[in-house]
N, C-alpha and C. Protein backbone atom coordinates (compact mmCIF):
# COMPACT_ATOMS: atom_id res chain seq x y z
N MET A 1 58.83 154.80 31.56
CA MET A 1 59.23 153.51 31.97
C MET A 1 60.47 152.94 31.29
N ILE A 2 60.36 153.17 29.97
CA ILE A 2 61.45 152.58 29.08
C ILE A 2 62.77 153.39 29.38
N GLU A 3 62.58 154.72 29.38
CA GLU A 3 63.63 155.73 29.52
C GLU A 3 64.27 155.27 31.00
N SER A 4 63.67 155.01 32.01
CA SER A 4 64.04 154.75 33.28
C SER A 4 64.91 153.49 33.17
N ALA A 5 64.32 152.48 32.51
CA ALA A 5 65.11 151.10 32.38
C ALA A 5 66.40 151.36 31.66
N LEU A 6 66.35 152.09 30.57
CA LEU A 6 67.52 152.44 29.89
C LEU A 6 68.69 153.07 30.64
N ASN A 7 68.16 154.17 31.28
CA ASN A 7 69.04 154.87 32.26
C ASN A 7 69.61 153.95 33.29
N GLU A 8 68.92 153.09 33.80
CA GLU A 8 69.38 152.25 34.90
C GLU A 8 70.27 151.25 34.42
N ALA A 9 70.24 150.86 33.19
CA ALA A 9 71.16 149.85 32.46
C ALA A 9 72.35 150.53 31.94
N GLY A 10 72.21 152.08 31.83
CA GLY A 10 73.36 152.76 31.22
C GLY A 10 73.38 152.62 29.68
N TRP A 11 72.32 152.50 29.02
CA TRP A 11 72.17 152.24 27.80
C TRP A 11 71.38 153.47 27.12
N ASP A 12 71.79 153.65 25.94
CA ASP A 12 71.03 154.54 25.03
C ASP A 12 69.98 153.71 24.02
N ARG A 13 69.14 154.23 23.50
CA ARG A 13 68.03 153.86 22.62
C ARG A 13 68.84 153.11 21.50
N GLU A 14 69.78 153.76 20.91
CA GLU A 14 70.59 153.52 19.77
C GLU A 14 71.18 152.04 19.87
N GLN A 15 71.54 151.59 21.10
CA GLN A 15 72.13 150.52 21.42
C GLN A 15 71.24 149.20 21.56
N ILE A 16 69.96 149.42 21.38
CA ILE A 16 68.95 148.28 21.34
C ILE A 16 68.92 147.85 19.97
N ASP A 17 69.29 146.55 19.69
CA ASP A 17 69.07 145.97 18.22
C ASP A 17 68.07 144.81 18.27
N THR A 18 67.59 144.46 19.37
CA THR A 18 66.60 143.27 19.33
C THR A 18 65.66 143.40 20.41
N LEU A 19 64.45 143.17 20.47
CA LEU A 19 63.44 143.28 21.45
C LEU A 19 62.73 141.83 21.50
N ALA A 20 62.37 141.41 22.60
CA ALA A 20 61.55 140.29 22.98
C ALA A 20 60.36 140.69 23.31
N VAL A 21 59.16 140.17 22.79
CA VAL A 21 57.81 140.52 23.34
C VAL A 21 56.94 139.35 23.54
N GLY A 22 56.25 139.47 24.71
CA GLY A 22 55.35 138.46 25.02
C GLY A 22 54.03 138.47 24.09
N LEU A 23 53.64 137.30 23.54
CA LEU A 23 52.62 137.31 22.69
C LEU A 23 51.15 136.89 23.36
N GLY A 24 51.30 136.49 24.77
CA GLY A 24 50.06 135.98 25.50
C GLY A 24 50.17 134.37 25.40
N PRO A 25 49.19 133.88 25.90
CA PRO A 25 47.99 134.52 26.41
C PRO A 25 48.15 135.30 27.55
N GLY A 26 47.34 136.15 27.79
CA GLY A 26 47.39 137.03 29.01
C GLY A 26 46.40 138.12 29.02
N SER A 27 46.80 139.34 29.66
CA SER A 27 46.17 140.38 29.62
C SER A 27 45.94 141.02 28.30
N TYR A 28 44.71 141.23 27.73
CA TYR A 28 44.45 141.71 26.51
C TYR A 28 45.21 143.00 25.94
N THR A 29 44.90 143.88 26.93
CA THR A 29 45.59 145.21 26.84
C THR A 29 47.11 145.09 26.97
N GLY A 30 47.56 144.41 27.97
CA GLY A 30 49.02 144.23 28.05
C GLY A 30 49.74 143.83 26.90
N ILE A 31 49.06 142.86 26.22
CA ILE A 31 49.70 142.02 25.19
C ILE A 31 49.59 142.92 24.03
N ARG A 32 48.57 143.72 23.74
CA ARG A 32 48.42 144.65 22.70
C ARG A 32 49.58 145.67 22.86
N VAL A 33 49.63 146.36 23.97
CA VAL A 33 50.57 147.27 24.20
C VAL A 33 52.05 146.81 24.05
N GLY A 34 52.45 145.77 24.40
CA GLY A 34 53.71 145.24 24.14
C GLY A 34 53.99 145.01 22.65
N ILE A 35 52.98 144.42 22.01
CA ILE A 35 53.18 144.25 20.65
C ILE A 35 53.30 145.66 19.72
N SER A 36 52.49 146.67 20.20
CA SER A 36 52.60 147.75 19.69
C SER A 36 53.84 148.64 19.84
N LEU A 37 54.38 148.43 21.09
CA LEU A 37 55.55 149.07 21.36
C LEU A 37 56.81 148.37 20.48
N ALA A 38 56.74 147.00 20.25
CA ALA A 38 57.84 146.26 19.68
C ALA A 38 57.75 146.75 18.17
N GLN A 39 56.35 146.90 17.56
CA GLN A 39 56.23 147.13 16.20
C GLN A 39 56.77 148.63 15.92
N GLY A 40 56.32 149.43 16.79
CA GLY A 40 56.99 150.95 16.73
C GLY A 40 58.31 151.14 16.75
N TRP A 41 58.89 150.38 17.67
CA TRP A 41 60.46 150.36 17.74
C TRP A 41 61.20 149.72 16.49
N GLN A 42 60.58 148.84 16.05
CA GLN A 42 61.01 148.24 14.70
C GLN A 42 60.96 149.32 13.69
N MET A 43 59.90 149.84 13.54
CA MET A 43 59.62 150.98 12.58
C MET A 43 60.44 152.01 12.58
N GLY A 44 60.65 152.43 13.75
CA GLY A 44 61.60 153.79 14.17
C GLY A 44 63.09 153.38 14.16
N ARG A 45 63.46 152.20 14.54
CA ARG A 45 64.89 151.86 14.79
C ARG A 45 65.44 150.81 14.09
N GLY A 46 64.42 149.97 13.42
CA GLY A 46 64.87 148.84 12.63
C GLY A 46 65.45 147.60 13.44
N VAL A 47 64.96 147.56 14.64
CA VAL A 47 65.45 146.44 15.45
C VAL A 47 64.77 145.11 15.05
N GLN A 48 65.28 143.98 15.48
CA GLN A 48 64.81 142.67 15.35
C GLN A 48 63.92 142.35 16.48
N ILE A 49 62.72 141.49 16.18
CA ILE A 49 61.84 141.27 17.15
C ILE A 49 61.62 139.78 17.22
N HIS A 50 61.47 139.34 18.54
CA HIS A 50 61.19 137.94 18.76
C HIS A 50 59.75 137.86 19.42
N GLY A 51 59.03 137.03 19.18
CA GLY A 51 57.68 136.91 19.84
C GLY A 51 57.62 135.52 20.69
N ILE A 52 57.34 135.53 21.92
CA ILE A 52 57.30 134.30 22.76
C ILE A 52 56.08 134.29 23.55
N SER A 53 55.50 133.02 23.47
CA SER A 53 54.23 132.82 24.26
C SER A 53 54.37 132.84 25.74
N SER A 54 53.43 133.19 26.35
CA SER A 54 53.48 133.24 27.97
C SER A 54 53.70 131.88 28.48
N MET A 55 52.98 130.88 27.98
CA MET A 55 53.33 129.46 28.28
C MET A 55 54.63 128.80 28.11
N GLU A 56 55.32 129.39 26.81
CA GLU A 56 56.58 129.05 26.98
C GLU A 56 57.54 129.58 27.88
N CYS A 57 57.32 130.80 28.29
CA CYS A 57 58.02 131.57 29.27
C CYS A 57 57.89 130.93 30.71
N LEU A 58 56.63 130.44 30.90
CA LEU A 58 56.32 129.91 32.14
C LEU A 58 57.06 128.63 32.29
N ALA A 59 57.22 127.75 31.29
CA ALA A 59 57.60 126.33 31.23
C ALA A 59 59.26 126.66 31.30
N ALA A 60 59.72 127.68 30.58
CA ALA A 60 61.08 127.83 30.72
C ALA A 60 61.62 128.29 32.05
N ARG A 61 60.86 129.11 32.72
CA ARG A 61 61.26 129.34 33.96
C ARG A 61 61.18 128.36 35.05
N ALA A 62 60.12 127.59 34.86
CA ALA A 62 60.06 126.29 35.71
C ALA A 62 61.22 125.33 35.50
N GLN A 63 61.50 125.09 34.23
CA GLN A 63 62.56 124.16 33.85
C GLN A 63 64.03 124.65 34.45
N ALA A 64 64.15 125.91 34.42
CA ALA A 64 65.38 126.65 34.83
C ALA A 64 65.50 126.53 36.30
N GLY A 65 64.13 126.48 37.05
CA GLY A 65 64.15 126.26 38.41
C GLY A 65 64.18 124.98 39.03
N GLY A 66 64.35 123.95 38.20
CA GLY A 66 64.72 122.46 38.56
C GLY A 66 63.41 121.73 38.45
N TRP A 67 62.21 122.35 38.03
CA TRP A 67 61.09 121.50 38.08
C TRP A 67 61.25 120.26 37.01
N ARG A 68 60.85 119.11 37.38
CA ARG A 68 60.98 117.83 36.50
C ARG A 68 59.52 117.24 36.35
N GLU A 69 58.60 117.67 37.20
CA GLU A 69 57.20 116.99 37.12
C GLU A 69 56.43 117.52 36.14
N ARG A 70 55.67 116.92 35.38
CA ARG A 70 54.71 117.33 34.33
C ARG A 70 54.00 118.55 35.13
N THR A 71 53.74 119.67 34.47
CA THR A 71 53.08 120.76 34.94
C THR A 71 52.01 121.43 33.86
N HIS A 72 50.81 121.59 34.50
CA HIS A 72 49.87 122.28 33.57
C HIS A 72 49.87 123.69 33.92
N PHE A 73 50.32 124.57 33.04
CA PHE A 73 50.32 125.97 33.17
C PHE A 73 49.00 126.70 32.80
N VAL A 74 48.44 127.41 33.72
CA VAL A 74 47.12 128.11 33.66
C VAL A 74 47.07 129.58 33.84
N VAL A 75 46.45 130.31 32.90
CA VAL A 75 46.32 131.57 32.88
C VAL A 75 44.95 131.99 32.83
N ASP A 76 44.48 132.99 33.57
CA ASP A 76 43.25 133.43 33.71
C ASP A 76 42.73 133.95 32.25
N ALA A 77 41.61 133.36 31.56
CA ALA A 77 41.15 133.99 30.39
C ALA A 77 39.88 134.71 30.48
N GLN A 78 39.65 135.13 31.66
CA GLN A 78 38.39 135.90 32.07
C GLN A 78 37.04 135.05 31.68
N ARG A 79 35.86 135.45 31.90
CA ARG A 79 34.55 134.81 31.67
C ARG A 79 34.56 133.38 32.07
N GLY A 80 35.34 133.22 33.31
CA GLY A 80 35.19 131.75 34.03
C GLY A 80 36.10 130.56 33.33
N GLU A 81 36.89 131.20 32.40
CA GLU A 81 37.66 130.19 31.55
C GLU A 81 39.23 130.29 31.89
N PHE A 82 40.13 129.46 31.42
CA PHE A 82 41.39 129.46 31.53
C PHE A 82 42.15 128.98 30.33
N TYR A 83 43.31 129.51 29.98
CA TYR A 83 44.17 129.12 28.98
C TYR A 83 44.92 128.02 29.86
N MET A 84 45.17 126.97 29.19
CA MET A 84 45.96 125.80 29.87
C MET A 84 46.81 125.08 28.65
N ALA A 85 48.13 124.83 29.19
CA ALA A 85 48.90 123.88 28.23
C ALA A 85 49.86 123.14 29.24
N ALA A 86 50.30 121.85 28.89
CA ALA A 86 51.02 121.12 29.87
C ALA A 86 52.41 120.77 29.22
N TYR A 87 53.54 120.80 30.23
CA TYR A 87 54.81 120.64 29.88
C TYR A 87 55.54 119.60 30.58
N ASP A 88 56.42 118.71 29.88
CA ASP A 88 57.30 117.82 30.62
C ASP A 88 58.62 118.55 30.65
N PHE A 89 59.40 118.08 31.46
CA PHE A 89 60.88 118.72 31.77
C PHE A 89 61.88 117.68 31.79
N ASP A 90 63.10 118.07 31.43
CA ASP A 90 64.39 117.35 31.57
C ASP A 90 65.28 118.37 31.88
N ALA A 91 66.56 117.92 32.12
CA ALA A 91 67.64 118.92 32.54
C ALA A 91 67.94 119.96 31.43
N GLU A 92 67.66 119.68 30.15
CA GLU A 92 67.97 120.53 29.11
C GLU A 92 66.71 121.54 28.65
N ALA A 93 65.72 121.17 28.76
CA ALA A 93 64.52 121.87 28.17
C ALA A 93 63.04 121.17 28.81
N ALA A 94 61.99 122.45 28.41
CA ALA A 94 60.66 122.01 28.72
C ALA A 94 60.02 121.65 27.43
N LYS A 95 59.32 120.70 27.43
CA LYS A 95 58.44 120.34 26.19
C LYS A 95 57.14 120.15 26.27
N CYS A 96 56.31 120.84 25.46
CA CYS A 96 55.06 120.94 25.39
C CYS A 96 54.50 119.47 25.08
N CYS A 97 53.61 119.00 26.01
CA CYS A 97 53.05 117.58 25.87
C CYS A 97 51.52 117.68 25.67
N GLU A 98 50.91 118.91 25.96
CA GLU A 98 49.24 119.13 25.80
C GLU A 98 49.37 120.63 25.34
N PRO A 99 48.89 120.79 24.00
CA PRO A 99 48.88 122.16 23.64
C PRO A 99 47.82 123.02 24.16
N LEU A 100 48.15 124.39 23.92
CA LEU A 100 47.21 125.40 24.61
C LEU A 100 45.71 125.14 24.25
N VAL A 101 45.00 125.28 25.27
CA VAL A 101 43.46 125.15 24.89
C VAL A 101 42.82 126.14 26.00
N LEU A 102 41.57 126.27 25.71
CA LEU A 102 40.85 127.13 26.56
C LEU A 102 39.90 126.10 27.37
N VAL A 103 39.91 126.21 28.64
CA VAL A 103 39.25 125.23 29.49
C VAL A 103 38.28 125.83 30.66
N SER A 104 37.34 125.24 31.09
CA SER A 104 36.59 125.63 32.22
C SER A 104 37.44 125.54 33.74
N ARG A 105 36.95 126.04 34.48
CA ARG A 105 37.49 125.79 35.93
C ARG A 105 37.50 124.31 36.24
N GLU A 106 36.27 123.83 35.96
CA GLU A 106 36.25 122.45 36.31
C GLU A 106 37.36 121.55 35.71
N LYS A 107 37.76 121.82 34.62
CA LYS A 107 38.95 120.99 33.95
C LYS A 107 39.96 121.36 34.62
N VAL A 108 40.38 122.32 34.96
CA VAL A 108 41.63 122.66 35.76
C VAL A 108 41.45 121.87 37.16
N GLN A 109 40.46 122.20 37.76
CA GLN A 109 40.19 121.32 39.09
C GLN A 109 40.45 119.94 38.93
N ALA A 110 39.91 119.31 37.72
CA ALA A 110 40.09 117.77 37.51
C ALA A 110 41.64 117.48 37.43
N VAL A 111 42.36 118.36 36.91
CA VAL A 111 43.92 117.91 36.85
C VAL A 111 44.40 117.93 38.34
N LEU A 112 43.83 118.73 39.03
CA LEU A 112 44.30 118.79 40.54
C LEU A 112 43.86 117.61 41.27
N ASP A 113 42.75 117.23 41.10
CA ASP A 113 42.11 116.29 41.73
C ASP A 113 42.77 114.80 41.36
N LYS A 114 43.31 114.78 40.29
CA LYS A 114 44.05 113.54 39.81
C LYS A 114 45.50 113.61 40.35
N GLY A 115 45.88 114.69 41.05
CA GLY A 115 47.20 114.84 41.55
C GLY A 115 48.14 115.43 40.62
N GLY A 116 47.69 116.07 39.59
CA GLY A 116 48.52 116.89 38.81
C GLY A 116 48.96 118.24 39.39
N ARG A 117 49.89 118.78 38.85
CA ARG A 117 50.54 119.97 39.30
C ARG A 117 49.97 121.03 38.24
N VAL A 118 49.60 122.18 38.98
CA VAL A 118 49.10 123.41 38.24
C VAL A 118 49.81 124.40 38.80
N ALA A 119 50.23 125.39 37.66
CA ALA A 119 51.05 126.67 38.15
C ALA A 119 50.47 127.68 37.21
N GLY A 120 50.82 129.04 37.66
CA GLY A 120 50.57 130.18 36.75
C GLY A 120 50.26 131.34 37.65
N PRO A 121 50.31 132.51 36.99
CA PRO A 121 50.08 133.74 37.53
C PRO A 121 48.72 133.86 38.29
N GLU A 122 48.87 134.39 39.53
CA GLU A 122 47.61 134.52 40.55
C GLU A 122 46.84 133.21 40.56
N ILE A 123 47.40 132.05 40.41
CA ILE A 123 46.68 130.95 40.35
C ILE A 123 45.93 130.72 41.53
N SER A 124 46.55 130.97 42.84
CA SER A 124 45.87 130.83 44.12
C SER A 124 44.61 131.32 44.27
N LYS A 125 44.12 132.41 43.45
CA LYS A 125 42.92 133.07 43.46
C LYS A 125 41.71 132.19 43.23
N TRP A 126 41.96 131.03 42.28
CA TRP A 126 40.98 130.25 41.88
C TRP A 126 41.37 128.71 42.54
N PHE A 127 42.55 128.50 42.72
CA PHE A 127 42.86 126.89 43.02
C PHE A 127 43.91 127.08 44.25
N SER A 128 43.62 126.70 45.33
CA SER A 128 44.37 126.82 46.50
C SER A 128 45.58 125.83 46.51
N ASP A 129 45.65 124.75 45.75
CA ASP A 129 46.67 123.93 45.51
C ASP A 129 47.52 124.17 44.31
N GLY A 130 47.27 125.30 43.63
CA GLY A 130 48.18 125.82 42.60
C GLY A 130 49.30 126.24 42.94
N LEU A 131 50.43 126.56 42.03
CA LEU A 131 51.68 127.01 42.42
C LEU A 131 51.70 128.38 41.70
N GLU A 132 52.08 129.33 42.36
CA GLU A 132 52.27 130.78 41.86
C GLU A 132 53.63 130.88 40.89
N LEU A 133 53.45 131.16 39.61
CA LEU A 133 54.48 131.31 38.76
C LEU A 133 54.16 132.36 37.74
N ASN A 134 54.97 133.42 37.58
CA ASN A 134 54.84 134.57 36.61
C ASN A 134 55.83 134.46 35.52
N PRO A 135 55.33 134.74 34.30
CA PRO A 135 56.49 134.93 33.28
C PRO A 135 57.29 136.21 33.65
N ASP A 136 58.58 136.22 33.34
CA ASP A 136 59.48 137.27 33.65
C ASP A 136 60.31 137.82 32.36
N PRO A 137 60.63 139.01 32.49
CA PRO A 137 61.49 139.48 31.41
C PRO A 137 62.78 138.90 31.29
N VAL A 138 63.45 138.41 32.16
CA VAL A 138 64.87 137.68 32.05
C VAL A 138 64.59 136.42 31.20
N THR A 139 63.54 135.56 31.62
CA THR A 139 63.37 134.36 30.95
C THR A 139 62.90 134.54 29.47
N LEU A 140 62.08 135.66 29.25
CA LEU A 140 61.60 136.09 27.96
C LEU A 140 62.86 136.23 27.17
N GLY A 141 63.72 137.07 27.60
CA GLY A 141 64.86 137.56 26.89
C GLY A 141 65.80 136.31 26.57
N LEU A 142 65.96 135.43 27.52
CA LEU A 142 66.84 134.22 27.35
C LEU A 142 66.19 133.35 26.19
N LEU A 143 64.91 133.20 26.39
CA LEU A 143 64.26 132.39 25.27
C LEU A 143 64.47 133.05 23.81
N ALA A 144 64.31 134.21 23.79
CA ALA A 144 64.56 134.96 22.57
C ALA A 144 65.93 134.79 21.88
N ALA A 145 66.77 134.96 22.95
CA ALA A 145 68.26 134.84 22.44
C ALA A 145 68.49 133.52 22.03
N ARG A 146 68.03 132.43 22.58
CA ARG A 146 68.29 131.12 22.27
C ARG A 146 67.63 130.68 20.92
N GLU A 147 66.34 131.25 20.73
CA GLU A 147 65.71 130.70 19.54
C GLU A 147 65.97 131.40 18.32
N GLN A 148 66.34 132.74 18.39
CA GLN A 148 66.64 133.61 17.24
C GLN A 148 65.68 133.51 16.05
N LYS A 149 64.41 133.62 16.38
CA LYS A 149 63.50 133.52 15.38
C LYS A 149 62.99 135.02 15.31
N TYR A 150 63.45 135.73 14.17
CA TYR A 150 63.08 137.07 14.17
C TYR A 150 61.72 137.13 13.29
N ILE A 151 60.77 138.24 13.72
CA ILE A 151 59.55 138.34 13.11
C ILE A 151 59.43 139.67 12.63
N PRO A 152 58.83 140.00 11.40
CA PRO A 152 58.72 141.22 11.04
C PRO A 152 57.41 141.78 11.86
N GLY A 153 57.59 143.06 12.45
CA GLY A 153 56.67 143.47 13.29
C GLY A 153 55.07 143.38 12.82
N GLU A 154 54.84 143.51 11.46
CA GLU A 154 53.43 143.48 11.03
C GLU A 154 53.04 141.82 11.17
N LYS A 155 53.74 141.12 11.42
CA LYS A 155 53.38 139.60 11.53
C LYS A 155 53.26 139.23 12.99
N LEU A 156 53.43 140.04 13.85
CA LEU A 156 53.23 139.67 15.39
C LEU A 156 51.92 139.66 15.56
N GLU A 157 51.41 138.65 16.20
CA GLU A 157 50.06 138.50 16.55
C GLU A 157 49.83 138.07 17.83
N PRO A 158 48.94 138.50 18.64
CA PRO A 158 48.77 137.93 20.01
C PRO A 158 47.98 136.63 19.90
N ILE A 159 48.18 135.72 21.02
CA ILE A 159 47.77 134.40 21.12
C ILE A 159 46.46 134.57 21.75
N TYR A 160 45.55 134.32 21.05
CA TYR A 160 44.04 134.44 21.46
C TYR A 160 43.47 132.83 20.99
N LEU A 161 42.55 132.40 21.84
CA LEU A 161 41.79 131.16 21.44
C LEU A 161 40.37 131.58 21.28
N ARG A 162 39.86 132.63 21.59
CA ARG A 162 38.55 133.05 21.44
C ARG A 162 38.28 133.87 20.25
N ALA A 163 37.32 133.76 19.38
CA ALA A 163 37.11 134.55 18.41
C ALA A 163 36.88 135.99 18.90
N LEU A 164 37.40 136.86 18.25
CA LEU A 164 37.41 138.19 18.66
C LEU A 164 35.95 138.88 18.22
N THR A 165 35.21 139.43 19.05
CA THR A 165 33.96 139.93 18.80
C THR A 165 33.98 141.45 19.32
N PHE A 166 33.23 142.28 18.64
CA PHE A 166 33.17 143.66 19.04
C PHE A 166 31.94 144.24 18.41
N VAL A 167 31.65 145.32 18.93
CA VAL A 167 30.32 145.89 18.31
C VAL A 167 30.73 147.20 17.82
N LYS A 168 30.43 147.50 16.57
CA LYS A 168 31.02 148.64 15.78
C LYS A 168 29.89 149.78 16.28
N ALA A 169 30.49 150.92 16.51
CA ALA A 169 29.70 152.08 16.87
C ALA A 169 28.91 152.68 15.82
N PRO A 170 27.72 153.10 15.95
CA PRO A 170 26.64 153.58 14.94
C PRO A 170 27.32 154.62 14.23
N ALA A 171 26.89 154.88 13.09
CA ALA A 171 27.41 156.17 12.36
C ALA A 171 26.96 157.29 13.06
N PRO A 172 27.94 158.38 13.03
CA PRO A 172 27.55 159.72 13.74
C PRO A 172 26.22 160.11 13.20
N ARG A 173 25.51 160.67 14.36
CA ARG A 173 24.15 161.28 13.99
C ARG A 173 24.41 162.79 13.63
N HIS A 174 23.76 163.28 12.58
CA HIS A 174 23.75 164.77 12.30
C HIS A 174 22.83 165.49 13.25
N ILE A 175 23.27 166.45 13.86
CA ILE A 175 22.55 167.35 14.80
C ILE A 175 22.35 168.56 14.18
N SER A 176 21.14 169.04 14.01
CA SER A 176 20.95 170.44 13.29
C SER A 176 21.31 171.37 14.15
N THR A 177 21.89 172.39 13.84
CA THR A 177 22.32 173.72 14.63
C THR A 177 21.25 174.90 14.42
N GLU A 178 20.29 174.57 13.65
CA GLU A 178 19.22 175.66 13.42
C GLU A 178 18.27 175.79 14.49
């Protein structure tokens, strides 16, 4: 896919000097793959990396589209929960007014019931009054170019609000061949 995109743009790998990567919240695997790719490219080619949150990307896209009403951006967090952050807008920028939190479906519905605006990827699956909006690579790139906050690859971290839990596999069993 990378090779195809570079070919379509008429670029060689050597011409890439900066990468922008989404840090989430979002798809666990997708975020990890994106971060891994950026880290590998930095190790192999010495590129600079920008990490951008999905909420910042959604807010910037809405602001560029002329949105001026406070909007709660909502992303599915699985397990019946949602990531949510609210932004206010003016002609120049989107400003976070309610930081990212993990909320229940009822909390998102309460925002809608009070006449609030809710937007995000696949939002209509859960909330018929929600506005569909997805982060996109163009907005991600524009945010990275504007901010110029470079991050060493080893410091990139996905945005999670849940404690990570996993079950470690048991030690391998020895099976006698006698």
